Amino acid sequence: MKSLITTSLASMFMLAAVEGHALTVNNDYSVSTQGVTFTYDETGDEFSIGSGSLTLSHSDSVDAGIDWSVGSGPFNGTVSYDYTSDEESVIGLETSVGVWGGTTLTPSTSWNIQDSQVDASVDFGYSMMGLDSTYTLNWDVTDMELSGTSAEVGYTINFGSLAVTPNLTVPFDSDWERGDTSVGISVAVSFGAPGA
């Protein structure tokens, strides 16, 4: 089964490369130790540090971001505030609900206070034996129109405390025109739990 998943994922990478669409490479890295997680994402040069339910972040487009997560089990929620590089304030709300098996439904919304712009998205996710897939619908609530979609797939390979996930993302705009395919590697390292 694992060999089938690996072959399928490799085939998707090859298909994306030969179809003539532009490819971008974006990797991300995270290190967890003593209950604190440091993350760097090449997309937007985003750096974050999180502990418990609180996460602080900074990127090219966000000068300062704060996320606060609550809930446990099948239901989780996150409230966020971003002060952007354009000196605007954006408030966000995201929930995640386990529907059945490895399926999750994650709706979210954001409100740009200065622009009075409201955007929303819904992620449909499925996980099985290390294979993760997500389909996202993005909606411009202010103008009441679809602003784009994306499909993402990845496969996690564990080496003890090291997890490596090759991933592929294919975006589409509001006219269903395909954008640049993004490929990358997610690397996560854990050095143990608090008190260990």
N, C-alpha and C. Protein backbone atom coordinates (compact mmCIF):
# COMPACT_ATOMS: atom_id res chain seq x y z
N MET A 1 0.83 -1.21 0.00
CA MET A 1 0.00 0.00 0.00
C MET A 1 0.86 1.26 0.00
N LYS A 2 1.91 1.27 0.84
CA LYS A 2 2.79 2.43 0.90
C LYS A 2 3.50 2.66 -0.43
N SER A 3 3.91 1.57 -1.09
CA SER A 3 4.57 1.73 -2.37
C SER A 3 3.62 2.30 -3.41
N LEU A 4 2.33 1.93 -3.34
CA LEU A 4 1.34 2.47 -4.25
C LEU A 4 1.16 3.96 -4.03
N ILE A 5 1.10 4.38 -2.77
CA ILE A 5 0.94 5.79 -2.44
C ILE A 5 2.15 6.58 -2.92
N THR A 6 3.35 6.05 -2.67
CA THR A 6 4.58 6.73 -3.10
C THR A 6 4.63 6.88 -4.61
N THR A 7 4.25 5.81 -5.32
CA THR A 7 4.24 5.85 -6.78
C THR A 7 3.24 6.86 -7.30
N SER A 8 2.07 6.92 -6.69
CA SER A 8 1.03 7.85 -7.12
C SER A 8 1.47 9.29 -6.91
N LEU A 9 2.10 9.56 -5.76
CA LEU A 9 2.56 10.91 -5.47
C LEU A 9 3.66 11.32 -6.44
N ALA A 10 4.60 10.40 -6.70
CA ALA A 10 5.68 10.69 -7.65
C ALA A 10 5.12 10.96 -9.04
N SER A 11 4.08 10.23 -9.42
CA SER A 11 3.47 10.42 -10.73
C SER A 11 2.84 11.81 -10.85
N MET A 12 2.24 12.29 -9.75
CA MET A 12 1.63 13.62 -9.76
C MET A 12 2.68 14.70 -9.93
N PHE A 13 3.85 14.53 -9.27
CA PHE A 13 4.94 15.48 -9.42
C PHE A 13 5.40 15.52 -10.88
N MET A 14 5.56 14.34 -11.48
CA MET A 14 6.02 14.26 -12.86
C MET A 14 4.99 14.86 -13.81
N LEU A 15 3.71 14.59 -13.57
CA LEU A 15 2.65 15.11 -14.42
C LEU A 15 2.62 16.63 -14.38
N ALA A 16 2.79 17.18 -13.18
CA ALA A 16 2.80 18.63 -13.04
C ALA A 16 3.97 19.26 -13.78
N ALA A 17 5.09 18.54 -13.80
CA ALA A 17 6.29 19.07 -14.43
C ALA A 17 6.21 19.06 -15.96
N VAL A 18 5.55 18.05 -16.54
CA VAL A 18 5.56 17.89 -17.99
C VAL A 18 4.37 18.56 -18.65
N GLU A 19 3.40 19.07 -17.90
CA GLU A 19 2.23 19.67 -18.51
C GLU A 19 2.48 21.10 -19.01
N GLY A 20 3.66 21.63 -18.76
CA GLY A 20 3.99 22.93 -19.30
C GLY A 20 3.64 24.10 -18.41
N HIS A 21 3.09 23.87 -17.24
CA HIS A 21 2.77 24.95 -16.32
C HIS A 21 4.01 25.27 -15.48
N ALA A 22 4.09 26.54 -15.07
CA ALA A 22 5.22 26.96 -14.26
C ALA A 22 5.20 26.28 -12.90
N LEU A 23 6.39 26.00 -12.38
CA LEU A 23 6.52 25.37 -11.07
C LEU A 23 7.21 26.33 -10.12
N THR A 24 6.71 26.41 -8.90
CA THR A 24 7.41 27.13 -7.85
C THR A 24 7.75 26.15 -6.74
N VAL A 25 8.86 26.40 -6.06
CA VAL A 25 9.30 25.52 -4.98
C VAL A 25 9.21 26.28 -3.67
N ASN A 26 8.44 25.74 -2.73
CA ASN A 26 8.28 26.34 -1.41
C ASN A 26 8.37 25.25 -0.35
N ASN A 27 9.39 25.34 0.47
CA ASN A 27 9.59 24.37 1.55
C ASN A 27 9.26 25.02 2.89
N ASP A 28 8.99 24.18 3.89
CA ASP A 28 8.80 24.70 5.24
C ASP A 28 9.45 23.76 6.24
N TYR A 29 9.86 24.34 7.36
CA TYR A 29 10.62 23.60 8.36
C TYR A 29 10.09 23.94 9.75
N SER A 30 10.00 22.94 10.62
CA SER A 30 9.59 23.20 11.99
C SER A 30 10.41 22.35 12.96
N VAL A 31 10.69 22.95 14.11
CA VAL A 31 11.43 22.29 15.17
C VAL A 31 10.65 22.44 16.46
N SER A 32 10.35 21.32 17.12
CA SER A 32 9.60 21.34 18.38
C SER A 32 10.47 20.81 19.50
N THR A 33 10.49 21.54 20.61
CA THR A 33 11.25 21.09 21.77
C THR A 33 10.67 21.69 23.04
N GLN A 34 10.48 20.88 24.05
CA GLN A 34 9.99 21.34 25.35
C GLN A 34 8.71 22.17 25.23
N GLY A 35 7.80 21.74 24.35
CA GLY A 35 6.51 22.41 24.24
C GLY A 35 6.50 23.66 23.40
N VAL A 36 7.63 24.00 22.78
CA VAL A 36 7.72 25.20 21.94
C VAL A 36 8.03 24.76 20.51
N THR A 37 7.33 25.36 19.52
CA THR A 37 7.53 25.01 18.12
C THR A 37 7.97 26.24 17.33
N PHE A 38 9.10 26.10 16.63
CA PHE A 38 9.61 27.15 15.75
C PHE A 38 9.36 26.71 14.31
N THR A 39 8.78 27.57 13.49
CA THR A 39 8.44 27.22 12.12
C THR A 39 8.90 28.30 11.16
N TYR A 40 9.48 27.87 10.03
CA TYR A 40 9.81 28.80 8.96
C TYR A 40 9.23 28.28 7.66
N ASP A 41 8.47 29.13 6.97
CA ASP A 41 7.84 28.78 5.70
C ASP A 41 8.40 29.70 4.62
N GLU A 42 8.96 29.11 3.56
CA GLU A 42 9.54 29.91 2.49
C GLU A 42 8.49 30.75 1.77
N THR A 43 7.22 30.32 1.83
CA THR A 43 6.15 31.10 1.23
C THR A 43 5.94 32.38 2.04
N GLY A 44 6.35 33.51 1.48
CA GLY A 44 6.21 34.78 2.18
C GLY A 44 7.21 34.98 3.29
N ASP A 45 8.26 34.13 3.37
CA ASP A 45 9.27 34.23 4.43
C ASP A 45 8.60 34.34 5.80
N GLU A 46 7.70 33.42 6.09
CA GLU A 46 6.95 33.46 7.36
C GLU A 46 7.69 32.70 8.45
N PHE A 47 7.88 33.36 9.57
CA PHE A 47 8.49 32.75 10.75
C PHE A 47 7.49 32.81 11.89
N SER A 48 7.33 31.71 12.62
CA SER A 48 6.40 31.71 13.75
C SER A 48 6.99 30.92 14.91
N ILE A 49 6.54 31.27 16.10
CA ILE A 49 6.91 30.56 17.31
C ILE A 49 5.64 30.34 18.11
N GLY A 50 5.41 29.09 18.52
CA GLY A 50 4.19 28.76 19.23
C GLY A 50 4.45 27.94 20.47
N SER A 51 3.62 28.15 21.47
CA SER A 51 3.69 27.38 22.71
C SER A 51 2.28 27.25 23.26
N GLY A 52 1.84 26.02 23.49
CA GLY A 52 0.49 25.81 23.96
C GLY A 52 -0.51 26.28 22.92
N SER A 53 -1.42 27.15 23.32
CA SER A 53 -2.47 27.62 22.42
C SER A 53 -2.12 28.93 21.71
N LEU A 54 -0.94 29.50 22.01
CA LEU A 54 -0.57 30.81 21.48
C LEU A 54 0.54 30.69 20.44
N THR A 55 0.38 31.39 19.29
CA THR A 55 1.39 31.42 18.24
C THR A 55 1.60 32.86 17.78
N LEU A 56 2.87 33.29 17.70
CA LEU A 56 3.24 34.60 17.19
C LEU A 56 3.94 34.42 15.86
N SER A 57 3.66 35.32 14.90
CA SER A 57 4.23 35.14 13.57
C SER A 57 4.62 36.47 12.93
N HIS A 58 5.49 36.37 11.90
CA HIS A 58 5.92 37.52 11.12
C HIS A 58 6.24 37.02 9.71
N SER A 59 5.87 37.84 8.70
CA SER A 59 6.16 37.46 7.32
C SER A 59 6.32 38.71 6.48
N ASP A 60 6.50 38.53 5.16
CA ASP A 60 6.63 39.67 4.27
C ASP A 60 5.40 40.55 4.28
N SER A 61 4.22 39.94 4.43
CA SER A 61 2.97 40.70 4.36
C SER A 61 2.35 41.00 5.72
N VAL A 62 2.85 40.35 6.78
CA VAL A 62 2.30 40.54 8.13
C VAL A 62 3.44 40.95 9.07
N ASP A 63 3.35 42.17 9.58
CA ASP A 63 4.37 42.64 10.52
C ASP A 63 4.31 41.89 11.84
N ALA A 64 3.08 41.64 12.32
CA ALA A 64 2.90 40.92 13.58
C ALA A 64 1.58 40.18 13.55
N GLY A 65 1.62 38.89 13.86
CA GLY A 65 0.42 38.07 13.88
C GLY A 65 0.30 37.31 15.18
N ILE A 66 -0.92 37.17 15.68
CA ILE A 66 -1.19 36.44 16.91
C ILE A 66 -2.32 35.45 16.65
N ASP A 67 -2.10 34.18 16.96
CA ASP A 67 -3.14 33.14 16.86
C ASP A 67 -3.40 32.57 18.23
N TRP A 68 -4.68 32.38 18.56
CA TRP A 68 -5.05 31.78 19.84
C TRP A 68 -5.99 30.62 19.55
N SER A 69 -5.57 29.39 19.91
CA SER A 69 -6.36 28.19 19.61
C SER A 69 -7.05 27.68 20.86
N VAL A 70 -8.29 27.21 20.69
CA VAL A 70 -9.06 26.64 21.79
C VAL A 70 -9.74 25.37 21.30
N GLY A 71 -10.15 24.52 22.26
CA GLY A 71 -10.88 23.31 21.90
C GLY A 71 -9.99 22.09 21.89
N SER A 72 -10.62 20.93 21.79
CA SER A 72 -9.90 19.66 21.75
C SER A 72 -10.80 18.61 21.13
N GLY A 73 -10.24 17.44 20.87
CA GLY A 73 -11.02 16.35 20.30
C GLY A 73 -11.43 16.65 18.87
N PRO A 74 -12.68 16.38 18.51
CA PRO A 74 -13.11 16.55 17.12
C PRO A 74 -13.33 18.00 16.71
N PHE A 75 -13.37 18.94 17.69
CA PHE A 75 -13.65 20.33 17.37
C PHE A 75 -12.53 21.22 17.89
N ASN A 76 -12.03 22.10 17.02
CA ASN A 76 -11.02 23.06 17.42
C ASN A 76 -11.31 24.40 16.76
N GLY A 77 -10.87 25.47 17.40
CA GLY A 77 -11.07 26.80 16.83
C GLY A 77 -9.85 27.68 17.07
N THR A 78 -9.63 28.63 16.14
CA THR A 78 -8.51 29.56 16.25
C THR A 78 -8.99 30.97 15.95
N VAL A 79 -8.66 31.90 16.84
CA VAL A 79 -8.91 33.32 16.63
C VAL A 79 -7.57 33.98 16.34
N SER A 80 -7.52 34.84 15.31
CA SER A 80 -6.24 35.45 14.93
C SER A 80 -6.38 36.95 14.72
N TYR A 81 -5.25 37.64 14.91
CA TYR A 81 -5.16 39.06 14.59
C TYR A 81 -3.85 39.29 13.87
N ASP A 82 -3.90 39.95 12.69
CA ASP A 82 -2.70 40.27 11.92
C ASP A 82 -2.63 41.78 11.72
N TYR A 83 -1.45 42.34 11.99
CA TYR A 83 -1.17 43.72 11.62
C TYR A 83 -0.28 43.66 10.40
N THR A 84 -0.81 44.04 9.25
CA THR A 84 -0.13 43.80 7.98
C THR A 84 0.94 44.84 7.69
N SER A 85 1.75 44.55 6.65
CA SER A 85 2.78 45.49 6.23
C SER A 85 2.18 46.73 5.59
N ASP A 86 0.88 46.68 5.23
CA ASP A 86 0.17 47.85 4.71
C ASP A 86 -0.50 48.65 5.83
N GLU A 87 -0.16 48.33 7.07
CA GLU A 87 -0.70 49.00 8.26
C GLU A 87 -2.21 48.82 8.36
N GLU A 88 -2.66 47.60 8.08
CA GLU A 88 -4.07 47.26 8.20
C GLU A 88 -4.24 46.15 9.24
N SER A 89 -5.43 46.10 9.83
CA SER A 89 -5.74 45.10 10.84
C SER A 89 -6.71 44.07 10.26
N VAL A 90 -6.35 42.80 10.42
CA VAL A 90 -7.18 41.71 9.91
C VAL A 90 -7.49 40.74 11.04
N ILE A 91 -8.78 40.51 11.28
CA ILE A 91 -9.23 39.58 12.31
C ILE A 91 -9.71 38.31 11.63
N GLY A 92 -9.30 37.16 12.16
CA GLY A 92 -9.68 35.90 11.54
C GLY A 92 -10.27 34.92 12.53
N LEU A 93 -11.08 34.02 12.01
CA LEU A 93 -11.68 32.96 12.82
C LEU A 93 -11.68 31.68 12.00
N GLU A 94 -11.19 30.59 12.60
CA GLU A 94 -11.14 29.30 11.92
C GLU A 94 -11.59 28.20 12.85
N THR A 95 -12.36 27.27 12.33
CA THR A 95 -12.77 26.10 13.10
C THR A 95 -12.40 24.85 12.33
N SER A 96 -12.24 23.74 13.04
CA SER A 96 -11.93 22.47 12.40
C SER A 96 -12.78 21.38 13.05
N VAL A 97 -13.47 20.63 12.21
CA VAL A 97 -14.37 19.60 12.72
C VAL A 97 -14.04 18.28 12.05
N GLY A 98 -13.84 17.24 12.86
CA GLY A 98 -13.66 15.89 12.33
C GLY A 98 -15.02 15.33 11.94
N VAL A 99 -15.21 15.04 10.65
CA VAL A 99 -16.51 14.58 10.17
C VAL A 99 -16.66 13.08 10.37
N TRP A 100 -15.82 12.29 9.69
CA TRP A 100 -15.81 10.85 9.91
C TRP A 100 -14.48 10.31 9.41
N GLY A 101 -14.02 9.22 10.04
CA GLY A 101 -12.74 8.65 9.64
C GLY A 101 -11.64 9.69 9.67
N GLY A 102 -10.91 9.77 8.58
CA GLY A 102 -9.83 10.75 8.48
C GLY A 102 -10.25 12.03 7.79
N THR A 103 -11.57 12.28 7.70
CA THR A 103 -12.08 13.45 6.99
C THR A 103 -12.30 14.63 7.93
N THR A 104 -11.85 15.81 7.52
CA THR A 104 -12.05 17.02 8.31
C THR A 104 -12.65 18.12 7.45
N LEU A 105 -13.40 18.99 8.10
CA LEU A 105 -13.99 20.15 7.45
C LEU A 105 -13.50 21.38 8.21
N THR A 106 -12.85 22.32 7.50
CA THR A 106 -12.25 23.48 8.16
C THR A 106 -12.70 24.77 7.49
N PRO A 107 -13.77 25.38 7.98
CA PRO A 107 -14.17 26.70 7.47
C PRO A 107 -13.40 27.80 8.20
N SER A 108 -13.15 28.90 7.49
CA SER A 108 -12.48 30.05 8.11
C SER A 108 -12.95 31.33 7.45
N THR A 109 -12.79 32.44 8.16
CA THR A 109 -13.17 33.74 7.62
C THR A 109 -12.21 34.80 8.14
N SER A 110 -12.01 35.86 7.36
CA SER A 110 -11.16 36.97 7.79
C SER A 110 -11.82 38.30 7.43
N TRP A 111 -11.59 39.30 8.27
CA TRP A 111 -12.18 40.62 8.08
C TRP A 111 -11.09 41.67 8.16
N ASN A 112 -10.84 42.35 7.01
CA ASN A 112 -9.92 43.47 6.97
C ASN A 112 -10.69 44.71 7.41
N ILE A 113 -10.37 45.24 8.58
CA ILE A 113 -11.15 46.31 9.17
C ILE A 113 -11.09 47.58 8.33
N GLN A 114 -9.88 47.94 7.86
CA GLN A 114 -9.74 49.18 7.10
C GLN A 114 -10.45 49.11 5.75
N ASP A 115 -10.33 47.99 5.05
CA ASP A 115 -10.94 47.85 3.72
C ASP A 115 -12.37 47.35 3.77
N SER A 116 -12.85 46.98 4.94
CA SER A 116 -14.18 46.35 5.10
C SER A 116 -14.32 45.16 4.16
N GLN A 117 -13.20 44.42 4.01
CA GLN A 117 -13.18 43.26 3.12
C GLN A 117 -13.32 41.99 3.94
N VAL A 118 -14.29 41.15 3.55
CA VAL A 118 -14.50 39.88 4.24
C VAL A 118 -14.26 38.74 3.25
N ASP A 119 -13.39 37.82 3.62
CA ASP A 119 -13.09 36.65 2.81
C ASP A 119 -13.35 35.40 3.63
N ALA A 120 -13.68 34.32 2.94
CA ALA A 120 -13.94 33.05 3.62
C ALA A 120 -13.37 31.91 2.80
N SER A 121 -13.10 30.80 3.46
CA SER A 121 -12.63 29.61 2.77
C SER A 121 -13.11 28.38 3.51
N VAL A 122 -13.17 27.28 2.77
CA VAL A 122 -13.52 25.99 3.36
C VAL A 122 -12.53 24.95 2.86
N ASP A 123 -11.87 24.26 3.79
CA ASP A 123 -10.95 23.17 3.45
C ASP A 123 -11.64 21.83 3.68
N PHE A 124 -11.59 20.98 2.68
CA PHE A 124 -12.06 19.60 2.81
C PHE A 124 -10.82 18.72 2.83
N GLY A 125 -10.54 18.09 3.96
CA GLY A 125 -9.31 17.32 4.10
C GLY A 125 -9.57 15.84 4.35
N TYR A 126 -8.62 15.02 3.91
CA TYR A 126 -8.71 13.59 4.17
C TYR A 126 -7.31 13.04 4.40
N SER A 127 -7.16 12.22 5.44
CA SER A 127 -5.87 11.63 5.78
C SER A 127 -6.01 10.12 5.91
N MET A 128 -5.02 9.39 5.35
CA MET A 128 -5.03 7.94 5.45
C MET A 128 -3.62 7.41 5.24
N MET A 129 -3.08 6.72 6.26
CA MET A 129 -1.80 6.04 6.17
C MET A 129 -0.68 6.96 5.67
N GLY A 130 -0.64 8.18 6.21
CA GLY A 130 0.41 9.12 5.85
C GLY A 130 0.10 10.00 4.66
N LEU A 131 -0.95 9.66 3.91
CA LEU A 131 -1.34 10.46 2.76
C LEU A 131 -2.36 11.52 3.19
N ASP A 132 -2.05 12.79 2.92
CA ASP A 132 -2.94 13.90 3.27
C ASP A 132 -3.35 14.62 2.00
N SER A 133 -4.64 14.88 1.87
CA SER A 133 -5.13 15.63 0.72
C SER A 133 -6.12 16.70 1.19
N THR A 134 -6.08 17.86 0.54
CA THR A 134 -6.95 18.96 0.91
C THR A 134 -7.45 19.67 -0.35
N TYR A 135 -8.74 19.95 -0.37
CA TYR A 135 -9.32 20.75 -1.45
C TYR A 135 -9.92 21.99 -0.81
N THR A 136 -9.54 23.17 -1.31
CA THR A 136 -9.94 24.43 -0.69
C THR A 136 -10.77 25.28 -1.64
N LEU A 137 -11.88 25.81 -1.12
CA LEU A 137 -12.71 26.77 -1.84
C LEU A 137 -12.54 28.13 -1.16
N ASN A 138 -12.16 29.16 -1.94
CA ASN A 138 -12.00 30.51 -1.42
C ASN A 138 -13.12 31.40 -1.93
N TRP A 139 -13.70 32.21 -1.03
CA TRP A 139 -14.88 32.98 -1.38
C TRP A 139 -14.70 34.44 -0.94
N ASP A 140 -14.96 35.36 -1.88
CA ASP A 140 -14.97 36.78 -1.57
C ASP A 140 -16.38 37.12 -1.09
N VAL A 141 -16.54 37.22 0.22
CA VAL A 141 -17.87 37.45 0.80
C VAL A 141 -18.37 38.86 0.48
N THR A 142 -17.45 39.83 0.45
CA THR A 142 -17.85 41.21 0.19
C THR A 142 -18.50 41.35 -1.19
N ASP A 143 -17.90 40.73 -2.20
CA ASP A 143 -18.44 40.80 -3.57
C ASP A 143 -19.31 39.60 -3.92
N MET A 144 -19.45 38.67 -2.97
CA MET A 144 -20.27 37.48 -3.17
C MET A 144 -19.88 36.72 -4.44
N GLU A 145 -18.60 36.33 -4.51
CA GLU A 145 -18.14 35.56 -5.66
C GLU A 145 -16.98 34.64 -5.26
N LEU A 146 -16.84 33.56 -6.01
CA LEU A 146 -15.74 32.63 -5.80
C LEU A 146 -14.44 33.29 -6.23
N SER A 147 -13.43 33.27 -5.36
CA SER A 147 -12.16 33.92 -5.69
C SER A 147 -11.07 32.94 -6.09
N GLY A 148 -11.31 31.63 -5.93
CA GLY A 148 -10.33 30.64 -6.35
C GLY A 148 -10.44 29.35 -5.57
N THR A 149 -9.73 28.34 -6.04
CA THR A 149 -9.70 27.05 -5.38
C THR A 149 -8.28 26.51 -5.43
N SER A 150 -8.01 25.47 -4.66
CA SER A 150 -6.71 24.81 -4.75
C SER A 150 -6.83 23.37 -4.28
N ALA A 151 -5.97 22.52 -4.82
CA ALA A 151 -5.91 21.12 -4.42
C ALA A 151 -4.49 20.81 -3.97
N GLU A 152 -4.36 20.13 -2.83
CA GLU A 152 -3.04 19.83 -2.29
C GLU A 152 -2.97 18.38 -1.85
N VAL A 153 -1.83 17.75 -2.09
CA VAL A 153 -1.62 16.38 -1.66
C VAL A 153 -0.19 16.24 -1.13
N GLY A 154 -0.04 15.43 -0.09
CA GLY A 154 1.29 15.19 0.47
C GLY A 154 1.33 13.82 1.12
N TYR A 155 2.55 13.31 1.27
CA TYR A 155 2.72 12.00 1.90
C TYR A 155 3.84 12.08 2.93
N THR A 156 3.51 11.77 4.18
CA THR A 156 4.47 11.92 5.28
C THR A 156 5.24 10.62 5.51
N ILE A 157 6.58 10.77 5.56
CA ILE A 157 7.47 9.65 5.84
C ILE A 157 8.16 9.94 7.17
N ASN A 158 8.03 9.05 8.12
CA ASN A 158 8.59 9.24 9.45
C ASN A 158 9.90 8.49 9.63
N PHE A 159 10.88 9.18 10.20
CA PHE A 159 12.17 8.59 10.56
C PHE A 159 12.41 8.91 12.04
N GLY A 160 11.76 8.18 12.91
CA GLY A 160 11.87 8.47 14.34
C GLY A 160 11.25 9.82 14.65
N SER A 161 12.04 10.76 15.16
CA SER A 161 11.53 12.08 15.51
C SER A 161 11.50 13.04 14.32
N LEU A 162 11.93 12.55 13.16
CA LEU A 162 11.95 13.37 11.94
C LEU A 162 10.81 12.95 11.01
N ALA A 163 10.04 13.94 10.54
CA ALA A 163 8.97 13.68 9.58
C ALA A 163 9.21 14.51 8.32
N VAL A 164 9.19 13.85 7.17
CA VAL A 164 9.43 14.51 5.89
C VAL A 164 8.19 14.32 5.02
N THR A 165 7.66 15.43 4.49
CA THR A 165 6.43 15.37 3.69
C THR A 165 6.61 16.07 2.36
N PRO A 166 6.83 15.32 1.27
CA PRO A 166 6.78 15.94 -0.06
C PRO A 166 5.33 16.33 -0.35
N ASN A 167 5.13 17.51 -0.93
CA ASN A 167 3.77 17.96 -1.18
C ASN A 167 3.65 18.68 -2.52
N LEU A 168 2.43 18.73 -3.01
CA LEU A 168 2.12 19.33 -4.30
C LEU A 168 0.82 20.12 -4.17
N THR A 169 0.82 21.38 -4.65
CA THR A 169 -0.37 22.22 -4.61
C THR A 169 -0.66 22.78 -5.99
N VAL A 170 -1.91 22.64 -6.43
CA VAL A 170 -2.34 23.15 -7.73
C VAL A 170 -3.46 24.15 -7.50
N PRO A 171 -3.23 25.45 -7.79
CA PRO A 171 -4.27 26.46 -7.58
C PRO A 171 -5.06 26.76 -8.86
N PHE A 172 -6.27 27.25 -8.67
CA PHE A 172 -7.11 27.70 -9.79
C PHE A 172 -7.71 29.05 -9.40
N ASP A 173 -7.85 29.95 -10.38
CA ASP A 173 -8.43 31.26 -10.08
C ASP A 173 -9.95 31.21 -10.19
N SER A 174 -10.57 32.38 -10.12
CA SER A 174 -12.04 32.44 -10.12
C SER A 174 -12.64 32.01 -11.45
N ASP A 175 -11.83 32.03 -12.51
CA ASP A 175 -12.30 31.58 -13.82
C ASP A 175 -11.90 30.13 -14.11
N TRP A 176 -11.41 29.43 -13.06
CA TRP A 176 -10.98 28.04 -13.15
C TRP A 176 -9.77 27.86 -14.06
N GLU A 177 -8.98 28.95 -14.20
CA GLU A 177 -7.72 28.85 -14.92
C GLU A 177 -6.64 28.40 -13.94
N ARG A 178 -5.86 27.42 -14.36
CA ARG A 178 -4.85 26.87 -13.47
C ARG A 178 -3.69 27.82 -13.29
N GLY A 179 -3.24 27.98 -12.04
CA GLY A 179 -2.10 28.82 -11.74
C GLY A 179 -0.81 28.01 -11.68
N ASP A 180 0.24 28.62 -11.13
CA ASP A 180 1.53 27.95 -11.01
C ASP A 180 1.46 26.85 -9.96
N THR A 181 1.90 25.67 -10.34
CA THR A 181 1.95 24.55 -9.41
C THR A 181 3.08 24.75 -8.41
N SER A 182 2.80 24.47 -7.16
CA SER A 182 3.81 24.60 -6.11
C SER A 182 4.19 23.22 -5.59
N VAL A 183 5.48 22.95 -5.55
CA VAL A 183 5.99 21.71 -4.98
C VAL A 183 6.93 22.05 -3.84
N GLY A 184 7.06 21.15 -2.89
CA GLY A 184 7.94 21.44 -1.78
C GLY A 184 8.08 20.27 -0.83
N ILE A 185 8.89 20.48 0.18
CA ILE A 185 9.14 19.48 1.22
C ILE A 185 8.88 20.14 2.57
N SER A 186 8.07 19.48 3.39
CA SER A 186 7.87 19.91 4.77
C SER A 186 8.72 19.03 5.68
N VAL A 187 9.53 19.64 6.50
CA VAL A 187 10.43 18.91 7.40
C VAL A 187 10.09 19.30 8.84
N ALA A 188 9.79 18.32 9.66
CA ALA A 188 9.45 18.56 11.06
C ALA A 188 10.31 17.69 11.96
N VAL A 189 10.91 18.32 12.96
CA VAL A 189 11.78 17.61 13.91
C VAL A 189 11.27 17.87 15.31
N SER A 190 11.20 16.81 16.11
CA SER A 190 10.75 16.93 17.49
C SER A 190 11.84 16.41 18.42
N PHE A 191 12.14 17.17 19.47
CA PHE A 191 13.18 16.81 20.42
C PHE A 191 12.62 16.40 21.77
N GLY A 192 11.33 16.02 21.80
CA GLY A 192 10.79 15.52 23.05
C GLY A 192 9.76 16.41 23.66
N ALA A 193 8.99 15.85 24.59
CA ALA A 193 7.90 16.57 25.25
C ALA A 193 8.41 17.28 26.48
N PRO A 194 7.67 18.26 26.97
CA PRO A 194 8.05 18.95 28.20
C PRO A 194 8.21 17.97 29.35
N GLY A 195 9.26 18.19 30.10
CA GLY A 195 9.49 17.34 31.27
C GLY A 195 10.14 16.03 30.97
N ALA A 196 10.44 15.76 29.66
CA ALA A 196 11.07 14.51 29.30
C ALA A 196 12.53 14.52 29.64
